[in-house]
Amino acid sequence: MNVKKLIFEGEGVTLDFKKTITSCEKIARTMVSFANNKGGRLLIGVADDGTIKGVKSEDEERYMITKAAHLFSRPALEPLFEEIYVDDKLVLVVDTAESTLKPHYALAEDGKWWVYVRVKDKSVLASKIVVDVLKRSADNAGVLIEYSSKEKSLLEYLEKMNRITVKEYCELIKVGRRAAQRILVNMVLSGVIKIHTTEKDEYYTAA
């Protein structure tokens, strides 16, 4: 594994740098977001700007990560560890695979369990729709779509405007948020539309 090449590529959807582990809650959030996505890799002993600082106490870092994976993540995660020396400094590489048990929840500082997903180089709170999509995609049940006027309106709107939010869809078909979310989840699962999560908002486009 070429750690320097990874660092050069920078943090992103599947890569995160941590100089040191200071909080089980924060590291659980990152690992959960990887598991809920396509998997990801943590480089411990690397600063946010890519400077290799090295790990001072490898056992302590392993302990914190394992604790976060087992006690602060639900269902529990099983990270894989690898030790790599770069310029005589120890970097601890932690791999979290994409999970088949989505969604995974992380225990937050407020004592509640929340679902996180990876957006660019950040772990962000998942919306109710994303959580529903994760739950339903994990059970592999097929989705039967009935194309009523509500679905047709959505596709016609996307053809003209390219994107739509939940709020806009509610206004378009004159239904409450819950009913709109249910239709959107089905449409995402059937591969007709795509969900896009950013740090500020969430919107949908045709697939």
C-alpha atoms as a PDB file:
ATOM      1  CA  MET A   1       0.000   0.000   0.000  1.00  0.00           C
ATOM      2  CA  ASN A   2       1.416   3.376  -1.032  1.00  0.00           C
ATOM      3  CA  VAL A   3       0.426   5.622   1.890  1.00  0.00           C
ATOM      4  CA  LYS A   4       2.137   8.702   0.400  1.00  0.00           C
ATOM      5  CA  LYS A   5       0.080   8.314  -2.804  1.00  0.00           C
ATOM      6  CA  LEU A   6      -3.127   8.021  -0.728  1.00  0.00           C
ATOM      7  CA  ILE A   7      -2.207  11.145   1.254  1.00  0.00           C
ATOM      8  CA  PHE A   8      -1.457  13.019  -1.984  1.00  0.00           C
ATOM      9  CA  GLU A   9      -4.953  12.151  -3.285  1.00  0.00           C
ATOM     10  CA  GLY A  10      -6.392  13.766  -0.155  1.00  0.00           C
ATOM     11  CA  GLU A  11      -9.400  13.095   2.054  1.00  0.00           C
ATOM     12  CA  GLY A  12     -12.615  12.127   0.317  1.00  0.00           C
ATOM     13  CA  VAL A  13     -15.583   9.775   0.304  1.00  0.00           C
ATOM     14  CA  THR A  14     -13.434   6.717   1.128  1.00  0.00           C
ATOM     15  CA  LEU A  15     -10.456   8.279   2.935  1.00  0.00           C
ATOM     16  CA  ASP A  16     -10.055  10.198   6.197  1.00  0.00           C
ATOM     17  CA  PHE A  17      -6.966  11.453   8.049  1.00  0.00           C
ATOM     18  CA  LYS A  18      -6.702  11.558  11.835  1.00  0.00           C
ATOM     19  CA  LYS A  19      -3.647  12.894  13.647  1.00  0.00           C
ATOM     20  CA  THR A  20      -4.776  11.038  16.757  1.00  0.00           C
ATOM     21  CA  ILE A  21      -7.997   9.554  18.168  1.00  0.00           C
ATOM     22  CA  THR A  22      -9.488  11.854  20.799  1.00  0.00           C
ATOM     23  CA  SER A  23     -13.142  10.757  20.841  1.00  0.00           C
ATOM     24  CA  CYS A  24     -14.918   7.407  20.386  1.00  0.00           C
ATOM     25  CA  GLU A  25     -18.050   9.278  19.237  1.00  0.00           C
ATOM     26  CA  LYS A  26     -16.227  11.081  16.420  1.00  0.00           C
ATOM     27  CA  ILE A  27     -14.372   8.018  15.143  1.00  0.00           C
ATOM     28  CA  ALA A  28     -17.556   5.888  15.305  1.00  0.00           C
ATOM     29  CA  ARG A  29     -19.310   8.519  13.169  1.00  0.00           C
ATOM     30  CA  THR A  30     -16.599   8.244  10.490  1.00  0.00           C
ATOM     31  CA  MET A  31     -16.527   4.428  10.484  1.00  0.00           C
ATOM     32  CA  VAL A  32     -20.333   4.192  10.396  1.00  0.00           C
ATOM     33  CA  SER A  33     -20.468   6.600   7.450  1.00  0.00           C
ATOM     34  CA  PHE A  34     -17.936   4.383   5.611  1.00  0.00           C
ATOM     35  CA  ALA A  35     -19.924   1.203   6.387  1.00  0.00           C
ATOM     36  CA  ASN A  36     -23.148   2.846   5.165  1.00  0.00           C
ATOM     37  CA  ASN A  37     -21.409   3.881   1.953  1.00  0.00           C
ATOM     38  CA  LYS A  38     -18.853   1.929  -0.124  1.00  0.00           C
ATOM     39  CA  GLY A  39     -16.417   1.371   2.742  1.00  0.00           C
ATOM     40  CA  GLY A  40     -13.418   3.524   3.605  1.00  0.00           C
ATOM     41  CA  ARG A  41      -9.985   3.858   5.118  1.00  0.00           C
ATOM     42  CA  LEU A  42      -8.673   5.841   8.073  1.00  0.00           C
ATOM     43  CA  LEU A  43      -5.038   6.902   8.231  1.00  0.00           C
ATOM     44  CA  ILE A  44      -4.148   7.477  11.897  1.00  0.00           C
ATOM     45  CA  GLY A  45      -1.031   9.557  12.477  1.00  0.00           C
ATOM     46  CA  VAL A  46      -1.707  11.856   9.521  1.00  0.00           C
ATOM     47  CA  ALA A  47      -2.801  15.496  10.026  1.00  0.00           C
ATOM     48  CA  ASP A  48      -5.663  17.072   8.042  1.00  0.00           C
ATOM     49  CA  ASP A  49      -3.171  18.824   5.757  1.00  0.00           C
ATOM     50  CA  GLY A  50      -1.518  15.471   4.925  1.00  0.00           C
ATOM     51  CA  THR A  51       1.540  15.902   7.165  1.00  0.00           C
ATOM     52  CA  ILE A  52       2.718  12.537   8.506  1.00  0.00           C
ATOM     53  CA  LYS A  53       2.979  12.908  12.291  1.00  0.00           C
ATOM     54  CA  GLY A  54       3.102   9.222  13.180  1.00  0.00           C
ATOM     55  CA  VAL A  55       1.292   7.363  15.940  1.00  0.00           C
ATOM     56  CA  LYS A  56       2.685   7.779  19.465  1.00  0.00           C
ATOM     57  CA  SER A  57       0.823   4.934  21.155  1.00  0.00           C
ATOM     58  CA  GLU A  58      -0.362   2.367  18.631  1.00  0.00           C
ATOM     59  CA  ASP A  59      -2.016   0.180  21.318  1.00  0.00           C
ATOM     60  CA  GLU A  60      -3.995   3.129  22.669  1.00  0.00           C
ATOM     61  CA  GLU A  61      -5.218   4.104  19.179  1.00  0.00           C
ATOM     62  CA  ARG A  62      -6.239   0.497  18.433  1.00  0.00           C
ATOM     63  CA  TYR A  63      -8.095   0.322  21.743  1.00  0.00           C
ATOM     64  CA  MET A  64     -10.035   3.539  21.041  1.00  0.00           C
ATOM     65  CA  ILE A  65     -10.934   2.446  17.495  1.00  0.00           C
ATOM     66  CA  THR A  66     -12.032  -1.042  18.586  1.00  0.00           C
ATOM     67  CA  LYS A  67     -14.101   0.467  21.410  1.00  0.00           C
ATOM     68  CA  ALA A  68     -15.741   2.887  18.942  1.00  0.00           C
ATOM     69  CA  ALA A  69     -16.434   0.038  16.483  1.00  0.00           C
ATOM     70  CA  HIS A  70     -17.912  -2.316  19.100  1.00  0.00           C
ATOM     71  CA  LEU A  71     -19.601  -0.068  21.667  1.00  0.00           C
ATOM     72  CA  PHE A  72     -20.323   3.183  19.802  1.00  0.00           C
ATOM     73  CA  SER A  73     -21.533   1.611  16.522  1.00  0.00           C
ATOM     74  CA  ARG A  74     -24.724  -0.378  16.047  1.00  0.00           C
ATOM     75  CA  PRO A  75     -24.633  -3.017  14.576  1.00  0.00           C
ATOM     76  CA  ALA A  76     -20.996  -3.363  15.680  1.00  0.00           C
ATOM     77  CA  LEU A  77     -18.236  -2.962  13.098  1.00  0.00           C
ATOM     78  CA  GLU A  78     -15.086  -5.053  12.615  1.00  0.00           C
ATOM     79  CA  PRO A  79     -12.289  -2.772  11.348  1.00  0.00           C
ATOM     80  CA  LEU A  80      -9.068  -4.247   9.929  1.00  0.00           C
ATOM     81  CA  PHE A  81      -5.738  -2.827  11.108  1.00  0.00           C
ATOM     82  CA  GLU A  82      -2.440  -2.502   9.297  1.00  0.00           C
ATOM     83  CA  GLU A  83       0.764  -0.834  10.506  1.00  0.00           C
ATOM     84  CA  ILE A  84       2.898   0.934   7.908  1.00  0.00           C
ATOM     85  CA  TYR A  85       6.112   2.872   8.458  1.00  0.00           C
ATOM     86  CA  VAL A  86       6.461   6.006   6.336  1.00  0.00           C
ATOM     87  CA  ASP A  87       9.678   8.036   6.735  1.00  0.00           C
ATOM     88  CA  ASP A  88      10.363   6.160   9.994  1.00  0.00           C
ATOM     89  CA  LYS A  89       6.962   7.168  11.377  1.00  0.00           C
ATOM     90  CA  LEU A  90       4.218   4.668  12.162  1.00  0.00           C
ATOM     91  CA  VAL A  91       0.882   5.174  10.380  1.00  0.00           C
ATOM     92  CA  LEU A  92      -2.021   3.002  11.516  1.00  0.00           C
ATOM     93  CA  VAL A  93      -4.295   2.107   8.594  1.00  0.00           C
ATOM     94  CA  VAL A  94      -7.871   1.176   9.536  1.00  0.00           C
ATOM     95  CA  ASP A  95     -10.163  -0.320   6.896  1.00  0.00           C
ATOM     96  CA  THR A  96     -13.950  -0.370   7.319  1.00  0.00           C
ATOM     97  CA  ALA A  97     -15.721  -2.453   4.680  1.00  0.00           C
ATOM     98  CA  GLU A  98     -19.047  -1.612   3.081  1.00  0.00           C
ATOM     99  CA  SER A  99     -21.652  -3.320   5.248  1.00  0.00           C
ATOM    100  CA  THR A 100     -24.415  -5.742   4.348  1.00  0.00           C
ATOM    101  CA  LEU A 101     -26.215  -4.776   7.585  1.00  0.00           C
ATOM    102  CA  LYS A 102     -27.081  -1.165   6.711  1.00  0.00           C
ATOM    103  CA  PRO A 103     -27.960   1.188   8.211  1.00  0.00           C
ATOM    104  CA  HIS A 104     -25.336   1.450  10.954  1.00  0.00           C
ATOM    105  CA  TYR A 105     -25.891   3.947  13.761  1.00  0.00           C
ATOM    106  CA  ALA A 106     -23.263   5.849  15.771  1.00  0.00           C
ATOM    107  CA  LEU A 107     -23.742   6.861  19.401  1.00  0.00           C
ATOM    108  CA  ALA A 108     -23.534  10.652  19.627  1.00  0.00           C
ATOM    109  CA  GLU A 109     -22.544  12.927  22.516  1.00  0.00           C
ATOM    110  CA  ASP A 110     -26.263  13.506  23.219  1.00  0.00           C
ATOM    111  CA  GLY A 111     -26.676   9.790  24.043  1.00  0.00           C
ATOM    112  CA  LYS A 112     -28.773   9.127  20.919  1.00  0.00           C
ATOM    113  CA  TRP A 113     -28.028   6.820  17.998  1.00  0.00           C
ATOM    114  CA  TRP A 114     -27.844   8.472  14.564  1.00  0.00           C
ATOM    115  CA  VAL A 115     -27.170   7.282  11.014  1.00  0.00           C
ATOM    116  CA  TYR A 116     -24.304   8.977   9.151  1.00  0.00           C
ATOM    117  CA  VAL A 117     -23.311   8.869   5.493  1.00  0.00           C
ATOM    118  CA  ARG A 118     -20.193  10.046   3.723  1.00  0.00           C
ATOM    119  CA  VAL A 119     -20.457  13.228   1.656  1.00  0.00           C
ATOM    120  CA  LYS A 120     -17.142  14.213   0.043  1.00  0.00           C
ATOM    121  CA  ASP A 121     -14.696  14.306   2.987  1.00  0.00           C
ATOM    122  CA  LYS A 122     -17.336  14.727   5.728  1.00  0.00           C
ATOM    123  CA  SER A 123     -19.546  12.336   7.710  1.00  0.00           C
ATOM    124  CA  VAL A 124     -23.019  13.898   7.730  1.00  0.00           C
ATOM    125  CA  LEU A 125     -26.294  13.030   9.396  1.00  0.00           C
ATOM    126  CA  ALA A 126     -28.511  10.972   7.093  1.00  0.00           C
ATOM    127  CA  SER A 127     -32.020  12.193   6.293  1.00  0.00           C
ATOM    128  CA  LYS A 128     -35.062   9.991   6.941  1.00  0.00           C
ATOM    129  CA  ILE A 129     -35.229   9.165   3.217  1.00  0.00           C
ATOM    130  CA  VAL A 130     -31.582   8.037   3.130  1.00  0.00           C
ATOM    131  CA  VAL A 131     -32.146   5.877   6.244  1.00  0.00           C
ATOM    132  CA  ASP A 132     -35.216   4.277   4.613  1.00  0.00           C
ATOM    133  CA  VAL A 133     -33.285   3.640   1.391  1.00  0.00           C
ATOM    134  CA  LEU A 134     -30.437   2.012   3.381  1.00  0.00           C
ATOM    135  CA  LYS A 135     -32.893  -0.169   5.325  1.00  0.00           C
ATOM    136  CA  ARG A 136     -34.821  -1.289   2.275  1.00  0.00           C
ATOM    137  CA  SER A 137     -31.789  -1.800   0.015  1.00  0.00           C
ATOM    138  CA  ALA A 138     -30.253  -4.100   2.653  1.00  0.00           C
ATOM    139  CA  ASP A 139     -33.226  -6.492   2.682  1.00  0.00           C
ATOM    140  CA  ASN A 140     -32.975  -7.051  -1.114  1.00  0.00           C
ATOM    141  CA  ALA A 141     -36.751  -6.973  -1.520  1.00  0.00           C
ATOM    142  CA  GLY A 142     -37.788  -5.995  -5.010  1.00  0.00           C
ATOM    143  CA  VAL A 143     -39.692  -2.751  -5.437  1.00  0.00           C
ATOM    144  CA  LEU A 144     -42.840  -2.735  -7.494  1.00  0.00           C
ATOM    145  CA  ILE A 145     -43.509   0.736  -8.818  1.00  0.00           C
ATOM    146  CA  GLU A 146     -46.979   1.763  -9.759  1.00  0.00           C
ATOM    147  CA  TYR A 147     -46.745   4.759 -12.043  1.00  0.00           C
ATOM    148  CA  SER A 148     -49.580   6.919 -10.814  1.00  0.00           C
ATOM    149  CA  SER A 149     -49.936  10.612 -11.664  1.00  0.00           C
ATOM    150  CA  LYS A 150     -47.648  11.400  -8.693  1.00  0.00           C
ATOM    151  CA  GLU A 151     -44.691   9.473 -10.152  1.00  0.00           C
ATOM    152  CA  LYS A 152     -45.370  10.808 -13.637  1.00  0.00           C
ATOM    153  CA  SER A 153     -45.445  14.389 -12.316  1.00  0.00           C
ATOM    154  CA  LEU A 154     -42.045  13.834 -10.692  1.00  0.00           C
ATOM    155  CA  LEU A 155     -40.428  12.532 -13.894  1.00  0.00           C
ATOM    156  CA  GLU A 156     -41.970  15.302 -16.021  1.00  0.00           C
ATOM    157  CA  TYR A 157     -40.706  17.918 -13.544  1.00  0.00           C
ATOM    158  CA  LEU A 158     -37.183  16.418 -13.584  1.00  0.00           C
ATOM    159  CA  GLU A 159     -37.168  16.444 -17.385  1.00  0.00           C
ATOM    160  CA  LYS A 160     -37.727  20.204 -17.337  1.00  0.00           C
ATOM    161  CA  MET A 161     -35.921  21.316 -14.168  1.00  0.00           C
ATOM    162  CA  ASN A 162     -33.280  18.550 -13.735  1.00  0.00           C
ATOM    163  CA  ARG A 163     -33.560  18.466  -9.927  1.00  0.00           C
ATOM    164  CA  ILE A 164     -36.145  18.567  -7.127  1.00  0.00           C
ATOM    165  CA  THR A 165     -36.202  18.712  -3.317  1.00  0.00           C
ATOM    166  CA  VAL A 166     -38.697  16.992  -0.991  1.00  0.00           C
ATOM    167  CA  LYS A 167     -40.329  20.359  -0.267  1.00  0.00           C
ATOM    168  CA  GLU A 168     -40.738  21.110  -3.984  1.00  0.00           C
ATOM    169  CA  TYR A 169     -42.163  17.642  -4.600  1.00  0.00           C
ATOM    170  CA  CYS A 170     -44.699  18.069  -1.758  1.00  0.00           C
ATOM    171  CA  GLU A 171     -45.859  21.320  -3.346  1.00  0.00           C
ATOM    172  CA  LEU A 172     -45.916  19.785  -6.841  1.00  0.00           C
ATOM    173  CA  ILE A 173     -48.215  16.852  -5.987  1.00  0.00           C
ATOM    174  CA  LYS A 174     -50.022  18.495  -3.030  1.00  0.00           C
ATOM    175  CA  VAL A 175     -49.243  15.813  -0.424  1.00  0.00           C
ATOM    176  CA  GLY A 176     -47.655  15.767   3.028  1.00  0.00           C
ATOM    177  CA  ARG A 177     -43.948  15.179   3.586  1.00  0.00           C
ATOM    178  CA  ARG A 178     -44.340  11.547   4.699  1.00  0.00           C
ATOM    179  CA  ALA A 179     -46.297  10.520   1.595  1.00  0.00           C
ATOM    180  CA  ALA A 180     -43.795  12.311  -0.657  1.00  0.00           C
ATOM    181  CA  GLN A 181     -40.865  10.614   1.100  1.00  0.00           C
ATOM    182  CA  ARG A 182     -42.445   7.184   0.620  1.00  0.00           C
ATOM    183  CA  ILE A 183     -42.729   7.728  -3.159  1.00  0.00           C
ATOM    184  CA  LEU A 184     -39.165   9.086  -3.382  1.00  0.00           C
ATOM    185  CA  VAL A 185     -37.725   6.101  -1.458  1.00  0.00           C
ATOM    186  CA  ASN A 186     -39.447   3.675  -3.867  1.00  0.00           C
ATOM    187  CA  MET A 187     -38.233   5.611  -6.886  1.00  0.00           C
ATOM    188  CA  VAL A 188     -34.623   5.651  -5.566  1.00  0.00           C
ATOM    189  CA  LEU A 189     -34.707   1.909  -4.805  1.00  0.00           C
ATOM    190  CA  SER A 190     -36.058   1.097  -8.252  1.00  0.00           C
ATOM    191  CA  GLY A 191     -33.217   3.044  -9.852  1.00  0.00           C
ATOM    192  CA  VAL A 192     -35.473   5.609 -11.528  1.00  0.00           C
ATOM    193  CA  ILE A 193     -34.109   8.610  -9.612  1.00  0.00           C
ATOM    194  CA  LYS A 194     -30.902   9.377  -7.739  1.00  0.00           C
ATOM    195  CA  ILE A 195     -30.526  10.954  -4.319  1.00  0.00           C
ATOM    196  CA  HIS A 196     -27.828  13.626  -3.833  1.00  0.00           C
ATOM    197  CA  THR A 197     -26.803  14.591  -0.293  1.00  0.00           C
ATOM    198  CA  THR A 198     -24.684  17.673   0.321  1.00  0.00           C
ATOM    199  CA  GLU A 199     -23.742  19.334   3.598  1.00  0.00           C
ATOM    200  CA  LYS A 200     -26.481  21.937   3.065  1.00  0.00           C
ATOM    201  CA  ASP A 201     -29.335  20.161   1.322  1.00  0.00           C
ATOM    202  CA  GLU A 202     -30.637  17.051  -0.393  1.00  0.00           C
ATOM    203  CA  TYR A 203     -32.130  16.815  -3.850  1.00  0.00           C
ATOM    204  CA  TYR A 204     -33.133  14.295  -6.498  1.00  0.00           C
ATOM    205  CA  THR A 205     -32.344  13.897 -10.201  1.00  0.00           C
ATOM    206  CA  ALA A 206     -33.341  11.382 -12.861  1.00  0.00           C
ATOM    207  CA  ALA A 207     -31.064   8.324 -12.794  1.00  0.00           C
END
